[in-house]
Amino acid sequence: MPWRKNRDPLFRGDDAAGVALPDPGASTTIVEHILFVGGAGRPTPYHSTSESEDAATHFAGKGGRVYRTSARRAENEGVGHVSRIELIGLLQGKGKGKAKSESAFLVMRARSLVEQWGEHLLDFSNVDPTTVAGVARSLYEP
């Protein structure tokens, strides 16, 4: 069955000690985030999540943990949700909106990864930076 926003969970693979904190003020584009430009610890306003618990397990690695949330829970916390279907729509040509890029190739590569991993983004851009740690903690359950 296809993933449904009001019914199905989202999963995030992250460190066993807790989820990485997003930076609401970061200028990272969706394409840069998906392609992991800047590597681990780079500032990004996004959290990648997946429809697939197996995908989250892959990204958690051997020492990590899978966290569970939902689009509804994110939105209730003031965190935006960009679904896989929305991402695929943004990732066409040279990208649209926050997924705009100078390179159609990079946009195509990002789209391929979204499709492969069933990726959804949680967007913390509108979360007050002084509350982001608390919001991120309350958003997920192990």
Protein backbone atom coordinates (compact mmCIF):
# COMPACT_ATOMS: atom_id res chain seq x y z
CA MET A 1 0.00 0.00 0.00
CA PRO A 2 1.25 3.53 -0.70
CA TRP A 3 2.43 5.67 2.19
CA ARG A 4 -0.28 7.92 3.64
CA LYS A 5 0.47 11.14 5.51
CA ASN A 6 -2.21 10.82 8.18
CA ARG A 7 -1.66 7.13 8.76
CA ASP A 8 1.91 5.98 8.29
CA PRO A 9 5.11 6.56 10.30
CA LEU A 10 8.38 8.05 9.16
CA PHE A 11 11.73 6.66 10.28
CA ARG A 12 15.12 8.29 10.79
CA GLY A 13 18.45 6.55 11.23
CA ASP A 14 20.78 8.56 13.45
CA ASP A 15 23.21 8.36 16.35
CA ALA A 16 22.26 6.14 19.29
CA ALA A 17 22.70 9.12 21.66
CA GLY A 18 20.03 11.15 19.84
CA VAL A 19 19.15 12.79 16.57
CA ALA A 20 21.45 15.39 15.03
CA LEU A 21 20.18 18.91 15.54
CA PRO A 22 19.13 20.82 12.44
CA ASP A 23 20.06 24.46 11.95
CA PRO A 24 16.93 26.44 11.03
CA GLY A 25 19.03 29.30 9.67
CA ALA A 26 21.23 27.19 7.40
CA SER A 27 21.10 28.04 3.70
CA THR A 28 21.55 24.44 2.56
CA THR A 29 19.33 23.67 -0.43
CA ILE A 30 17.29 20.49 -0.69
CA VAL A 31 19.64 19.15 -3.37
CA GLU A 32 22.72 19.86 -1.22
CA HIS A 33 21.05 18.19 1.76
CA ILE A 34 20.03 15.06 -0.13
CA LEU A 35 23.47 14.73 -1.75
CA PHE A 36 25.12 15.24 1.66
CA VAL A 37 27.23 18.15 0.40
CA GLY A 38 29.55 19.19 3.21
CA GLY A 39 29.45 15.79 4.93
CA ALA A 40 28.53 14.94 8.48
CA GLY A 41 27.86 17.84 10.80
CA ARG A 42 27.17 20.34 8.02
CA PRO A 43 24.52 22.92 8.86
CA THR A 44 21.17 22.00 7.36
CA PRO A 45 17.59 22.96 8.19
CA TYR A 46 16.41 19.47 7.22
CA HIS A 47 16.10 16.02 8.70
CA SER A 48 15.88 13.18 6.25
CA THR A 49 13.32 10.54 7.09
CA SER A 50 12.02 7.55 5.21
CA GLU A 51 8.87 5.58 4.67
CA SER A 52 11.07 2.51 5.09
CA GLU A 53 12.33 1.34 8.46
CA ASP A 54 14.93 -0.74 6.60
CA ALA A 55 16.29 2.41 4.93
CA ALA A 56 16.53 4.14 8.32
CA THR A 57 18.35 1.09 9.71
CA HIS A 58 20.87 1.39 6.88
CA PHE A 59 21.56 5.06 7.69
CA ALA A 60 21.74 4.40 11.45
CA GLY A 61 24.65 2.04 10.86
CA LYS A 62 25.93 -0.48 13.39
CA GLY A 63 26.23 1.98 16.27
CA GLY A 64 23.12 4.01 15.59
CA ARG A 65 19.42 3.84 16.26
CA VAL A 66 16.20 4.16 14.32
CA TYR A 67 13.80 6.87 15.49
CA ARG A 68 10.12 7.04 14.63
CA THR A 69 7.86 10.03 14.01
CA SER A 70 5.04 11.07 11.71
CA ALA A 71 4.25 13.92 9.35
CA ARG A 72 1.33 14.90 11.56
CA ARG A 73 3.54 15.02 14.65
CA ALA A 74 6.11 17.13 12.82
CA GLU A 75 3.51 19.62 11.67
CA ASN A 76 2.05 19.80 15.19
CA GLU A 77 5.55 20.80 16.39
CA GLY A 78 5.81 23.54 13.73
CA VAL A 79 8.15 21.50 11.54
CA GLY A 80 7.42 21.38 7.82
CA HIS A 81 7.00 18.09 6.02
CA VAL A 82 8.06 17.61 2.39
CA SER A 83 6.80 14.23 1.21
CA ARG A 84 8.56 11.92 -1.21
CA ILE A 85 6.00 12.79 -3.88
CA GLU A 86 6.53 16.54 -3.29
CA LEU A 87 10.30 16.08 -3.45
CA ILE A 88 10.06 14.23 -6.74
CA GLY A 89 7.97 17.13 -8.07
CA LEU A 90 10.56 19.68 -6.93
CA LEU A 91 13.45 17.64 -8.31
CA GLN A 92 12.83 18.11 -12.02
CA GLY A 93 15.07 19.85 -14.52
CA LYS A 94 17.21 22.29 -12.53
CA GLY A 95 14.89 21.97 -9.55
CA LYS A 96 12.18 24.18 -8.15
CA GLY A 97 11.91 26.33 -5.03
CA LYS A 98 14.27 25.21 -2.27
CA ALA A 99 15.45 22.42 -4.60
CA LYS A 100 16.76 24.83 -7.26
CA SER A 101 20.27 24.09 -8.52
CA GLU A 102 22.62 25.21 -11.28
CA SER A 103 23.02 21.56 -12.27
CA ALA A 104 20.26 19.42 -13.75
CA PHE A 105 22.56 16.43 -13.20
CA LEU A 106 22.73 17.05 -9.44
CA VAL A 107 18.96 17.48 -9.30
CA MET A 108 18.53 14.19 -11.19
CA ARG A 109 20.93 12.44 -8.78
CA ALA A 110 19.06 13.81 -5.76
CA ARG A 111 15.74 12.66 -7.24
CA SER A 112 17.17 9.18 -7.77
CA LEU A 113 18.17 9.00 -4.09
CA VAL A 114 14.74 10.21 -2.94
CA GLU A 115 13.15 7.44 -5.00
CA GLN A 116 15.65 4.81 -3.81
CA TRP A 117 15.28 5.51 -0.09
CA GLY A 118 11.62 6.64 0.07
CA GLU A 119 12.90 9.93 1.48
CA HIS A 120 10.81 12.63 3.11
CA LEU A 121 12.24 15.83 4.58
CA LEU A 122 11.34 17.49 7.83
CA ASP A 123 12.00 21.21 7.41
CA PHE A 124 12.99 23.13 10.56
CA SER A 125 13.35 26.47 8.73
CA ASN A 126 10.47 28.04 10.64
CA VAL A 127 11.43 26.69 14.07
CA ASP A 128 12.85 29.20 16.56
CA PRO A 129 16.58 28.40 16.86
CA THR A 130 16.35 28.64 20.67
CA THR A 131 13.77 25.83 20.75
CA VAL A 132 15.10 23.55 17.99
CA ALA A 133 16.78 21.09 20.41
CA GLY A 134 13.58 20.59 22.40
CA VAL A 135 11.47 20.31 19.27
CA ALA A 136 13.82 17.74 17.74
CA ARG A 137 13.83 15.69 20.97
CA SER A 138 10.05 15.73 21.30
CA LEU A 139 9.52 14.90 17.64
CA TYR A 140 11.05 11.42 17.71
CA GLU A 141 10.64 8.30 19.75
CA PRO A 142 13.19 5.46 19.71
